[in-house]
Amino acid sequence: MLLGVLGDAHFTTSQPKRRLDNYWETQKLKFGEALYILEKCAGFIQPGDLVDNPNVSNIVISTIIDMLKKHYIQLDMVWGNHDVSGISSATLPTSPLSVLKAAGVINILNSEPRQLGNAAIYGAGFNEEPPTPKNQNDYNILVIHAMLGDRPLFPGQELKNPKNFLKQHPYFNLVVCGHYHYRFMETYEGRTILNAGSLIRGSIAKFDLEHKPGVIVFDTDTNKTEIIELTIEPAEEVFDLTPIKKRDNKILNMFINRLKTGSKSNSGWKHFLSQVLEKKNTSDGGKLIIDRCLEEVNAK
């Protein structure tokens, strides 16, 4: 059975500051190209963050519905931290995903297996623990929205290693990941873990500029993987790459100077940052924002 795998999409009509093109139109072109490529597949997987925020315009929701119906595609997916309010599954009923589900263009995966051809497919949304397969002899697939990656996005980031995750969950034949925006594939004892990477480049962070958006076709019968890259324009044609002017912000400059003195000791940036987050009782959502900012600052 051929499975078509997409990565995070973050669909939005909002224009990123550094994109020079019409970002919404580009997103639609990329999504349309991806769906056309994947039409030959029997199943379609998307690992969360389909939309950029739970308050996206209705035009985003209606466009996703129209495009999926046009290609006769129904996505099997999990919820990501950007898909719902409060980063909680409790708000799924009021999220854009609930509208897409009602329209029949997506299934929201959970701990109960969904039969997909010759496979049983399970889901774990953001911060949810992976379920244990009901039948460990089935061809089991896990779709998960979690920070699993093969290279840190900024110095000191502690990433969960994909291959180690595969070793820790031996009853899944295939694990499809989202949240981490860059493509990777690892295998262990005939089993596979992969991430197709984000559908479109959203910033001038180093890894974003290096990223080549694409989709993955995975064959559950042979465990072979095919990467198909999408058509993209050179970075200098779609991004403003001029240096960002530094703000005269005393607190920000002090924070950056502390980061620059970083070491593995308690006087380094990592300890300093953890103290600030703990003292301010920072939410998980706030920490995610800080992670993204550190990634982008480090890349510029």
C-alpha atoms as a PDB file:
ATOM      1  CA  MET A   1       0.000   0.000   0.000  1.00  0.00           C
ATOM      2  CA  LEU A   2       1.308   3.436  -0.928  1.00  0.00           C
ATOM      3  CA  LEU A   3       1.016   6.158   1.701  1.00  0.00           C
ATOM      4  CA  GLY A   4       1.334   9.838   0.857  1.00  0.00           C
ATOM      5  CA  VAL A   5       2.966  11.835   3.650  1.00  0.00           C
ATOM      6  CA  LEU A   6       2.749  15.606   4.104  1.00  0.00           C
ATOM      7  CA  GLY A   7       4.500  17.715   6.719  1.00  0.00           C
ATOM      8  CA  ASP A   8       3.368  20.723   8.763  1.00  0.00           C
ATOM      9  CA  ALA A   9       1.496  23.208   6.558  1.00  0.00           C
ATOM     10  CA  HIS A  10       0.644  26.182   8.838  1.00  0.00           C
ATOM     11  CA  PHE A  11      -1.913  27.496   6.368  1.00  0.00           C
ATOM     12  CA  THR A  12      -2.685  31.175   6.908  1.00  0.00           C
ATOM     13  CA  THR A  13      -3.661  34.275   4.971  1.00  0.00           C
ATOM     14  CA  SER A  14      -1.248  36.330   7.102  1.00  0.00           C
ATOM     15  CA  GLN A  15       1.857  37.500   5.263  1.00  0.00           C
ATOM     16  CA  PRO A  16       5.227  36.730   6.951  1.00  0.00           C
ATOM     17  CA  LYS A  17       7.365  39.868   7.169  1.00  0.00           C
ATOM     18  CA  ARG A  18      10.218  38.374   5.188  1.00  0.00           C
ATOM     19  CA  ARG A  19       8.241  36.825   2.299  1.00  0.00           C
ATOM     20  CA  LEU A  20       8.178  38.962  -0.845  1.00  0.00           C
ATOM     21  CA  ASP A  21       5.553  36.954  -2.720  1.00  0.00           C
ATOM     22  CA  ASN A  22       1.842  36.534  -2.050  1.00  0.00           C
ATOM     23  CA  TYR A  23       2.273  33.946   0.685  1.00  0.00           C
ATOM     24  CA  TRP A  24      -1.319  32.661   0.678  1.00  0.00           C
ATOM     25  CA  GLU A  25      -1.290  32.138  -3.081  1.00  0.00           C
ATOM     26  CA  THR A  26       2.052  30.331  -2.830  1.00  0.00           C
ATOM     27  CA  GLN A  27       0.695  28.055  -0.111  1.00  0.00           C
ATOM     28  CA  LYS A  28      -2.248  27.084  -2.321  1.00  0.00           C
ATOM     29  CA  LEU A  29       0.079  26.330  -5.238  1.00  0.00           C
ATOM     30  CA  LYS A  30       2.315  24.140  -3.061  1.00  0.00           C
ATOM     31  CA  PHE A  31      -0.648  22.287  -1.556  1.00  0.00           C
ATOM     32  CA  GLY A  32      -2.169  21.710  -4.974  1.00  0.00           C
ATOM     33  CA  GLU A  33       1.119  20.380  -6.338  1.00  0.00           C
ATOM     34  CA  ALA A  34       1.533  18.073  -3.321  1.00  0.00           C
ATOM     35  CA  LEU A  35      -2.001  16.679  -3.666  1.00  0.00           C
ATOM     36  CA  TYR A  36      -1.538  16.091  -7.400  1.00  0.00           C
ATOM     37  CA  ILE A  37       1.669  14.113  -6.713  1.00  0.00           C
ATOM     38  CA  LEU A  38       0.016  12.023  -4.002  1.00  0.00           C
ATOM     39  CA  GLU A  39      -3.187  11.154  -5.898  1.00  0.00           C
ATOM     40  CA  LYS A  40      -1.747   7.733  -6.739  1.00  0.00           C
ATOM     41  CA  CYS A  41      -1.572   6.769  -3.042  1.00  0.00           C
ATOM     42  CA  ALA A  42      -4.121   4.724  -1.106  1.00  0.00           C
ATOM     43  CA  GLY A  43      -3.729   6.651   2.148  1.00  0.00           C
ATOM     44  CA  PHE A  44      -2.730  10.197   3.116  1.00  0.00           C
ATOM     45  CA  ILE A  45      -1.048  11.249   6.357  1.00  0.00           C
ATOM     46  CA  GLN A  46      -0.601  14.734   7.815  1.00  0.00           C
ATOM     47  CA  PRO A  47       1.074  15.040  11.253  1.00  0.00           C
ATOM     48  CA  GLY A  48      -0.537  18.199  12.644  1.00  0.00           C
ATOM     49  CA  ASP A  49      -0.281  22.000  12.386  1.00  0.00           C
ATOM     50  CA  LEU A  50      -2.368  21.950   9.250  1.00  0.00           C
ATOM     51  CA  VAL A  51      -3.316  25.563  10.039  1.00  0.00           C
ATOM     52  CA  ASP A  52      -1.173  28.257  11.610  1.00  0.00           C
ATOM     53  CA  ASN A  53      -3.640  29.202  14.343  1.00  0.00           C
ATOM     54  CA  PRO A  54      -7.163  28.205  15.436  1.00  0.00           C
ATOM     55  CA  ASN A  55      -8.565  31.558  14.330  1.00  0.00           C
ATOM     56  CA  VAL A  56      -7.584  31.371  10.666  1.00  0.00           C
ATOM     57  CA  SER A  57      -9.864  32.960   8.113  1.00  0.00           C
ATOM     58  CA  ASN A  58     -12.817  30.967   6.832  1.00  0.00           C
ATOM     59  CA  ILE A  59     -11.245  31.230   3.386  1.00  0.00           C
ATOM     60  CA  VAL A  60      -8.405  29.017   4.634  1.00  0.00           C
ATOM     61  CA  ILE A  61     -10.820  26.359   5.875  1.00  0.00           C
ATOM     62  CA  SER A  62     -13.023  26.466   2.766  1.00  0.00           C
ATOM     63  CA  THR A  63      -9.989  26.326   0.469  1.00  0.00           C
ATOM     64  CA  ILE A  64      -8.590  23.246   2.233  1.00  0.00           C
ATOM     65  CA  ILE A  65     -11.997  21.559   1.898  1.00  0.00           C
ATOM     66  CA  ASP A  66     -12.315  22.433  -1.787  1.00  0.00           C
ATOM     67  CA  MET A  67      -8.789  21.285  -2.665  1.00  0.00           C
ATOM     68  CA  LEU A  68      -9.000  17.973  -0.807  1.00  0.00           C
ATOM     69  CA  LYS A  69     -12.393  17.204  -2.356  1.00  0.00           C
ATOM     70  CA  LYS A  70     -11.101  18.100  -5.811  1.00  0.00           C
ATOM     71  CA  HIS A  71      -8.395  15.440  -5.461  1.00  0.00           C
ATOM     72  CA  TYR A  72     -10.654  12.940  -3.645  1.00  0.00           C
ATOM     73  CA  ILE A  73      -8.234  12.925  -0.706  1.00  0.00           C
ATOM     74  CA  GLN A  74      -9.043  12.423   2.958  1.00  0.00           C
ATOM     75  CA  LEU A  75      -6.211  13.144   5.394  1.00  0.00           C
ATOM     76  CA  ASP A  76      -5.496  10.973   8.424  1.00  0.00           C
ATOM     77  CA  MET A  77      -3.965  13.418  10.880  1.00  0.00           C
ATOM     78  CA  VAL A  78      -3.351  14.452  14.479  1.00  0.00           C
ATOM     79  CA  TRP A  79      -3.778  17.857  16.052  1.00  0.00           C
ATOM     80  CA  GLY A  80      -0.776  20.122  16.472  1.00  0.00           C
ATOM     81  CA  ASN A  81      -0.190  22.937  18.916  1.00  0.00           C
ATOM     82  CA  HIS A  82      -1.162  25.501  16.238  1.00  0.00           C
ATOM     83  CA  ASP A  83      -4.435  23.797  15.314  1.00  0.00           C
ATOM     84  CA  VAL A  84      -6.301  24.341  18.587  1.00  0.00           C
ATOM     85  CA  SER A  85      -6.854  27.001  21.236  1.00  0.00           C
ATOM     86  CA  GLY A  86      -4.979  26.712  24.505  1.00  0.00           C
ATOM     87  CA  ILE A  87      -2.819  23.910  23.079  1.00  0.00           C
ATOM     88  CA  SER A  88      -5.410  21.453  24.369  1.00  0.00           C
ATOM     89  CA  SER A  89      -7.423  18.640  22.815  1.00  0.00           C
ATOM     90  CA  ALA A  90     -10.376  19.923  24.873  1.00  0.00           C
ATOM     91  CA  THR A  91     -10.776  22.732  22.316  1.00  0.00           C
ATOM     92  CA  LEU A  92     -10.825  20.428  19.280  1.00  0.00           C
ATOM     93  CA  PRO A  93     -14.641  20.768  18.923  1.00  0.00           C
ATOM     94  CA  THR A  94     -14.275  24.526  18.345  1.00  0.00           C
ATOM     95  CA  SER A  95     -11.176  24.296  16.138  1.00  0.00           C
ATOM     96  CA  PRO A  96     -10.872  24.466  12.334  1.00  0.00           C
ATOM     97  CA  LEU A  97     -10.157  20.726  12.411  1.00  0.00           C
ATOM     98  CA  SER A  98     -13.705  20.044  13.588  1.00  0.00           C
ATOM     99  CA  VAL A  99     -15.065  21.824  10.505  1.00  0.00           C
ATOM    100  CA  LEU A 100     -12.723  19.867   8.226  1.00  0.00           C
ATOM    101  CA  LYS A 101     -13.774  16.638   9.917  1.00  0.00           C
ATOM    102  CA  ALA A 102     -17.469  17.480   9.484  1.00  0.00           C
ATOM    103  CA  ALA A 103     -16.785  18.170   5.809  1.00  0.00           C
ATOM    104  CA  GLY A 104     -15.380  14.663   5.504  1.00  0.00           C
ATOM    105  CA  VAL A 105     -11.895  15.671   4.348  1.00  0.00           C
ATOM    106  CA  ILE A 106      -9.928  14.644   7.450  1.00  0.00           C
ATOM    107  CA  ASN A 107      -9.903  11.984  10.156  1.00  0.00           C
ATOM    108  CA  ILE A 108      -8.463  12.904  13.550  1.00  0.00           C
ATOM    109  CA  LEU A 109      -6.392   9.987  14.814  1.00  0.00           C
ATOM    110  CA  ASN A 110      -6.145   8.932  18.457  1.00  0.00           C
ATOM    111  CA  SER A 111      -5.373   5.914  20.647  1.00  0.00           C
ATOM    112  CA  GLU A 112      -8.039   3.806  18.950  1.00  0.00           C
ATOM    113  CA  PRO A 113      -6.773   2.102  15.784  1.00  0.00           C
ATOM    114  CA  ARG A 114      -8.146   3.166  12.432  1.00  0.00           C
ATOM    115  CA  GLN A 115      -7.922   0.511   9.733  1.00  0.00           C
ATOM    116  CA  LEU A 116      -6.098   1.850   6.687  1.00  0.00           C
ATOM    117  CA  GLY A 117      -5.676  -0.812   4.036  1.00  0.00           C
ATOM    118  CA  ASN A 118      -3.453  -3.476   5.554  1.00  0.00           C
ATOM    119  CA  ALA A 119      -2.409  -1.248   8.457  1.00  0.00           C
ATOM    120  CA  ALA A 120      -3.683  -0.069  11.822  1.00  0.00           C
ATOM    121  CA  ILE A 121      -3.017   3.622  12.278  1.00  0.00           C
ATOM    122  CA  TYR A 122      -2.824   5.462  15.626  1.00  0.00           C
ATOM    123  CA  GLY A 123      -2.353   9.103  16.571  1.00  0.00           C
ATOM    124  CA  ALA A 124      -0.799  11.203  19.323  1.00  0.00           C
ATOM    125  CA  GLY A 125      -1.401  14.944  19.214  1.00  0.00           C
ATOM    126  CA  PHE A 126       0.870  17.556  20.733  1.00  0.00           C
ATOM    127  CA  ASN A 127       2.103  16.541  24.213  1.00  0.00           C
ATOM    128  CA  GLU A 128       0.112  13.289  24.074  1.00  0.00           C
ATOM    129  CA  GLU A 129       1.778  10.001  24.923  1.00  0.00           C
ATOM    130  CA  PRO A 130       1.996   7.439  22.114  1.00  0.00           C
ATOM    131  CA  PRO A 131      -0.568   4.661  22.586  1.00  0.00           C
ATOM    132  CA  THR A 132       0.278   0.975  22.759  1.00  0.00           C
ATOM    133  CA  PRO A 133      -0.996  -0.898  19.684  1.00  0.00           C
ATOM    134  CA  LYS A 134      -3.958  -3.196  20.325  1.00  0.00           C
ATOM    135  CA  ASN A 135      -2.420  -5.952  18.208  1.00  0.00           C
ATOM    136  CA  GLN A 136       1.347  -5.945  18.181  1.00  0.00           C
ATOM    137  CA  ASN A 137       1.399  -8.292  15.183  1.00  0.00           C
ATOM    138  CA  ASP A 138      -0.415  -5.841  12.916  1.00  0.00           C
ATOM    139  CA  TYR A 139       1.361  -3.443  10.596  1.00  0.00           C
ATOM    140  CA  ASN A 140       1.090  -0.538  13.033  1.00  0.00           C
ATOM    141  CA  ILE A 141       1.551   3.119  12.125  1.00  0.00           C
ATOM    142  CA  LEU A 142       1.910   6.020  14.568  1.00  0.00           C
ATOM    143  CA  VAL A 143       1.316   9.639  13.560  1.00  0.00           C
ATOM    144  CA  ILE A 144       2.695  12.025  16.172  1.00  0.00           C
ATOM    145  CA  HIS A 145       3.169  15.771  16.635  1.00  0.00           C
ATOM    146  CA  ALA A 146       6.321  15.963  18.754  1.00  0.00           C
ATOM    147  CA  MET A 147       9.745  17.598  18.740  1.00  0.00           C
ATOM    148  CA  LEU A 148      11.717  14.714  17.282  1.00  0.00           C
ATOM    149  CA  GLY A 149      14.657  15.661  15.087  1.00  0.00           C
ATOM    150  CA  ASP A 150      18.098  14.734  13.877  1.00  0.00           C
ATOM    151  CA  ARG A 151      19.836  18.108  14.386  1.00  0.00           C
ATOM    152  CA  PRO A 152      19.322  20.837  17.027  1.00  0.00           C
ATOM    153  CA  LEU A 153      17.743  24.048  15.798  1.00  0.00           C
ATOM    154  CA  PHE A 154      19.866  26.202  18.101  1.00  0.00           C
ATOM    155  CA  PRO A 155      22.868  25.557  20.394  1.00  0.00           C
ATOM    156  CA  GLY A 156      21.894  23.640  23.506  1.00  0.00           C
ATOM    157  CA  GLN A 157      18.481  22.454  22.290  1.00  0.00           C
ATOM    158  CA  GLU A 158      17.737  18.988  23.638  1.00  0.00           C
ATOM    159  CA  LEU A 159      15.991  17.061  20.877  1.00  0.00           C
ATOM    160  CA  LYS A 160      14.473  13.615  21.086  1.00  0.00           C
ATOM    161  CA  ASN A 161      16.424  11.443  18.669  1.00  0.00           C
ATOM    162  CA  PRO A 162      14.204   9.793  16.004  1.00  0.00           C
ATOM    163  CA  LYS A 163      16.033   6.460  15.972  1.00  0.00           C
ATOM    164  CA  ASN A 164      15.962   6.263  19.768  1.00  0.00           C
ATOM    165  CA  PHE A 165      12.209   6.924  19.658  1.00  0.00           C
ATOM    166  CA  LEU A 166      11.841   4.053  17.206  1.00  0.00           C
ATOM    167  CA  LYS A 167      13.804   1.779  19.532  1.00  0.00           C
ATOM    168  CA  GLN A 168      11.605   2.775  22.484  1.00  0.00           C
ATOM    169  CA  HIS A 169       8.398   1.957  20.571  1.00  0.00           C
ATOM    170  CA  PRO A 170       9.138  -1.412  18.961  1.00  0.00           C
ATOM    171  CA  TYR A 171       5.551  -2.260  17.992  1.00  0.00           C
ATOM    172  CA  PHE A 172       5.252   0.490  15.374  1.00  0.00           C
ATOM    173  CA  ASN A 173       6.401  -0.389  11.878  1.00  0.00           C
ATOM    174  CA  LEU A 174       6.153   3.219  10.735  1.00  0.00           C
ATOM    175  CA  VAL A 175       6.221   6.484  12.688  1.00  0.00           C
ATOM    176  CA  VAL A 176       5.276   9.737  10.905  1.00  0.00           C
ATOM    177  CA  CYS A 177       6.297  12.909  12.741  1.00  0.00           C
ATOM    178  CA  GLY A 178       5.338  16.566  12.637  1.00  0.00           C
ATOM    179  CA  HIS A 179       6.228  19.687  14.671  1.00  0.00           C
ATOM    180  CA  TYR A 180       9.919  19.611  13.700  1.00  0.00           C
ATOM    181  CA  HIS A 181       9.916  21.389  10.336  1.00  0.00           C
ATOM    182  CA  TYR A 182      12.737  19.614   8.552  1.00  0.00           C
ATOM    183  CA  ARG A 183      12.855  16.333   6.684  1.00  0.00           C
ATOM    184  CA  PHE A 184      14.499  13.246   8.134  1.00  0.00           C
ATOM    185  CA  MET A 185      14.271   9.476   7.790  1.00  0.00           C
ATOM    186  CA  GLU A 186      15.729   6.783  10.025  1.00  0.00           C
ATOM    187  CA  THR A 187      15.372   3.014  10.022  1.00  0.00           C
ATOM    188  CA  TYR A 188      15.925   0.430  12.725  1.00  0.00           C
ATOM    189  CA  GLU A 189      15.436  -3.331  12.394  1.00  0.00           C
ATOM    190  CA  GLY A 190      13.277  -2.917   9.305  1.00  0.00           C
ATOM    191  CA  ARG A 191      11.078  -0.188  10.832  1.00  0.00           C
ATOM    192  CA  THR A 192      10.976   3.466   9.753  1.00  0.00           C
ATOM    193  CA  ILE A 193      10.527   6.887  11.318  1.00  0.00           C
ATOM    194  CA  LEU A 194      10.224   9.932   9.082  1.00  0.00           C
ATOM    195  CA  ASN A 195       9.201  13.557   8.763  1.00  0.00           C
ATOM    196  CA  ALA A 196       8.397  15.099   5.374  1.00  0.00           C
ATOM    197  CA  GLY A 197       9.316  18.591   6.580  1.00  0.00           C
ATOM    198  CA  SER A 198       7.182  21.709   6.328  1.00  0.00           C
ATOM    199  CA  LEU A 199       5.231  22.328   3.127  1.00  0.00           C
ATOM    200  CA  ILE A 200       6.597  25.833   2.680  1.00  0.00           C
ATOM    201  CA  ARG A 201       9.497  27.942   3.940  1.00  0.00           C
ATOM    202  CA  GLY A 202       8.237  30.547   6.370  1.00  0.00           C
ATOM    203  CA  SER A 203      11.314  32.406   7.585  1.00  0.00           C
ATOM    204  CA  ILE A 204      14.950  33.182   6.838  1.00  0.00           C
ATOM    205  CA  ALA A 205      16.184  30.882   9.581  1.00  0.00           C
ATOM    206  CA  LYS A 206      19.207  28.917   8.356  1.00  0.00           C
ATOM    207  CA  PHE A 207      17.435  25.560   8.211  1.00  0.00           C
ATOM    208  CA  ASP A 208      14.400  27.141   6.497  1.00  0.00           C
ATOM    209  CA  LEU A 209      16.603  28.497   3.714  1.00  0.00           C
ATOM    210  CA  GLU A 210      18.267  25.101   3.315  1.00  0.00           C
ATOM    211  CA  HIS A 211      14.935  23.226   3.386  1.00  0.00           C
ATOM    212  CA  LYS A 212      13.499  21.930   0.113  1.00  0.00           C
ATOM    213  CA  PRO A 213       9.762  21.351   0.650  1.00  0.00           C
ATOM    214  CA  GLY A 214       8.461  18.051  -0.601  1.00  0.00           C
ATOM    215  CA  VAL A 215       6.244  15.063   0.060  1.00  0.00           C
ATOM    216  CA  ILE A 216       7.044  11.432   0.789  1.00  0.00           C
ATOM    217  CA  VAL A 217       5.544   8.306  -0.732  1.00  0.00           C
ATOM    218  CA  PHE A 218       6.010   5.289   1.549  1.00  0.00           C
ATOM    219  CA  ASP A 219       5.328   1.694   0.478  1.00  0.00           C
ATOM    220  CA  THR A 220       4.148  -0.434   3.423  1.00  0.00           C
ATOM    221  CA  ASP A 221       4.779  -3.638   1.431  1.00  0.00           C
ATOM    222  CA  THR A 222       8.458  -2.951   0.711  1.00  0.00           C
ATOM    223  CA  ASN A 223       9.237  -0.230   3.329  1.00  0.00           C
ATOM    224  CA  LYS A 224      10.725   1.836   0.500  1.00  0.00           C
ATOM    225  CA  THR A 225      10.613   5.610   0.683  1.00  0.00           C
ATOM    226  CA  GLU A 226      10.402   8.064  -2.190  1.00  0.00           C
ATOM    227  CA  ILE A 227      11.014  11.780  -1.626  1.00  0.00           C
ATOM    228  CA  ILE A 228       9.424  14.074  -4.206  1.00  0.00           C
ATOM    229  CA  GLU A 229      10.471  17.712  -3.929  1.00  0.00           C
ATOM    230  CA  LEU A 230       8.069  20.513  -4.813  1.00  0.00           C
ATOM    231  CA  THR A 231       8.778  23.358  -7.213  1.00  0.00           C
ATOM    232  CA  ILE A 232      10.296  26.282  -5.312  1.00  0.00           C
ATOM    233  CA  GLU A 233      11.826  29.625  -6.235  1.00  0.00           C
ATOM    234  CA  PRO A 234      15.348  30.656  -5.127  1.00  0.00           C
ATOM    235  CA  ALA A 235      15.357  32.058  -1.600  1.00  0.00           C
ATOM    236  CA  GLU A 236      16.530  35.487  -2.751  1.00  0.00           C
ATOM    237  CA  GLU A 237      13.436  35.792  -4.954  1.00  0.00           C
ATOM    238  CA  VAL A 238      10.863  35.063  -2.253  1.00  0.00           C
ATOM    239  CA  PHE A 239      12.594  36.402   0.871  1.00  0.00           C
ATOM    240  CA  ASP A 240      13.925  39.766   1.979  1.00  0.00           C
ATOM    241  CA  LEU A 241      17.409  38.659   3.043  1.00  0.00           C
ATOM    242  CA  THR A 242      18.695  42.052   4.188  1.00  0.00           C
ATOM    243  CA  PRO A 243      20.034  42.056   7.772  1.00  0.00           C
ATOM    244  CA  ILE A 244      17.540  42.865  10.491  1.00  0.00           C
ATOM    245  CA  LYS A 245      18.244  46.114  12.340  1.00  0.00           C
ATOM    246  CA  LYS A 246      18.970  45.513  16.004  1.00  0.00           C
ATOM    247  CA  ARG A 247      16.526  47.166  18.373  1.00  0.00           C
ATOM    248  CA  ASP A 248      17.839  49.429  21.079  1.00  0.00           C
ATOM    249  CA  ASN A 249      16.365  47.377  23.873  1.00  0.00           C
ATOM    250  CA  LYS A 250      18.375  47.270  27.068  1.00  0.00           C
ATOM    251  CA  ILE A 251      16.705  44.146  28.453  1.00  0.00           C
ATOM    252  CA  LEU A 252      16.922  42.292  25.137  1.00  0.00           C
ATOM    253  CA  ASN A 253      20.585  43.235  24.682  1.00  0.00           C
ATOM    254  CA  MET A 254      21.365  42.084  28.217  1.00  0.00           C
ATOM    255  CA  PHE A 255      19.646  38.774  27.522  1.00  0.00           C
ATOM    256  CA  ILE A 256      21.559  38.311  24.240  1.00  0.00           C
ATOM    257  CA  ASN A 257      24.866  39.108  25.957  1.00  0.00           C
ATOM    258  CA  ARG A 258      24.145  36.461  28.563  1.00  0.00           C
ATOM    259  CA  LEU A 259      23.420  33.961  25.809  1.00  0.00           C
ATOM    260  CA  LYS A 260      26.723  34.780  24.119  1.00  0.00           C
ATOM    261  CA  THR A 261      28.608  33.872  27.307  1.00  0.00           C
ATOM    262  CA  GLY A 262      27.013  30.421  27.157  1.00  0.00           C
ATOM    263  CA  SER A 263      28.750  27.362  28.492  1.00  0.00           C
ATOM    264  CA  LYS A 264      27.706  24.073  29.985  1.00  0.00           C
ATOM    265  CA  SER A 265      28.188  25.462  33.481  1.00  0.00           C
ATOM    266  CA  ASN A 266      25.541  27.146  35.621  1.00  0.00           C
ATOM    267  CA  SER A 267      26.758  30.547  34.442  1.00  0.00           C
ATOM    268  CA  GLY A 268      25.893  29.800  30.805  1.00  0.00           C
ATOM    269  CA  TRP A 269      22.926  30.755  28.674  1.00  0.00           C
ATOM    270  CA  LYS A 270      21.064  27.506  29.177  1.00  0.00           C
ATOM    271  CA  HIS A 271      21.000  27.813  32.952  1.00  0.00           C
ATOM    272  CA  PHE A 272      20.125  31.499  32.727  1.00  0.00           C
ATOM    273  CA  LEU A 273      17.249  30.833  30.355  1.00  0.00           C
ATOM    274  CA  SER A 274      15.878  27.966  32.430  1.00  0.00           C
ATOM    275  CA  GLN A 275      15.950  30.213  35.522  1.00  0.00           C
ATOM    276  CA  VAL A 276      13.976  32.917  33.704  1.00  0.00           C
ATOM    277  CA  LEU A 277      11.379  30.459  32.403  1.00  0.00           C
ATOM    278  CA  GLU A 278      10.963  28.853  35.807  1.00  0.00           C
ATOM    279  CA  LYS A 279      10.730  32.164  37.659  1.00  0.00           C
ATOM    280  CA  LYS A 280       8.103  33.502  35.239  1.00  0.00           C
ATOM    281  CA  ASN A 281       6.187  30.197  35.268  1.00  0.00           C
ATOM    282  CA  THR A 282       6.263  30.245  31.475  1.00  0.00           C
ATOM    283  CA  SER A 283       3.580  28.200  29.705  1.00  0.00           C
ATOM    284  CA  ASP A 284       4.380  25.464  27.194  1.00  0.00           C
ATOM    285  CA  GLY A 285       3.170  27.769  24.448  1.00  0.00           C
ATOM    286  CA  GLY A 286       5.564  30.494  25.576  1.00  0.00           C
ATOM    287  CA  LYS A 287       8.440  28.065  25.621  1.00  0.00           C
ATOM    288  CA  LEU A 288       7.625  27.017  22.053  1.00  0.00           C
ATOM    289  CA  ILE A 289       7.745  30.655  20.956  1.00  0.00           C
ATOM    290  CA  ILE A 290      11.115  31.107  22.666  1.00  0.00           C
ATOM    291  CA  ASP A 291      12.416  27.963  20.958  1.00  0.00           C
ATOM    292  CA  ARG A 292      11.403  29.314  17.560  1.00  0.00           C
ATOM    293  CA  CYS A 293      12.951  32.743  18.290  1.00  0.00           C
ATOM    294  CA  LEU A 294      16.229  31.170  19.371  1.00  0.00           C
ATOM    295  CA  GLU A 295      16.272  29.093  16.201  1.00  0.00           C
ATOM    296  CA  GLU A 296      15.777  32.160  14.019  1.00  0.00           C
ATOM    297  CA  VAL A 297      18.178  34.450  15.917  1.00  0.00           C
ATOM    298  CA  ASN A 298      20.887  31.800  15.774  1.00  0.00           C
ATOM    299  CA  ALA A 299      20.364  31.441  12.016  1.00  0.00           C
ATOM    300  CA  LYS A 300      20.685  35.102  11.071  1.00  0.00           C
END
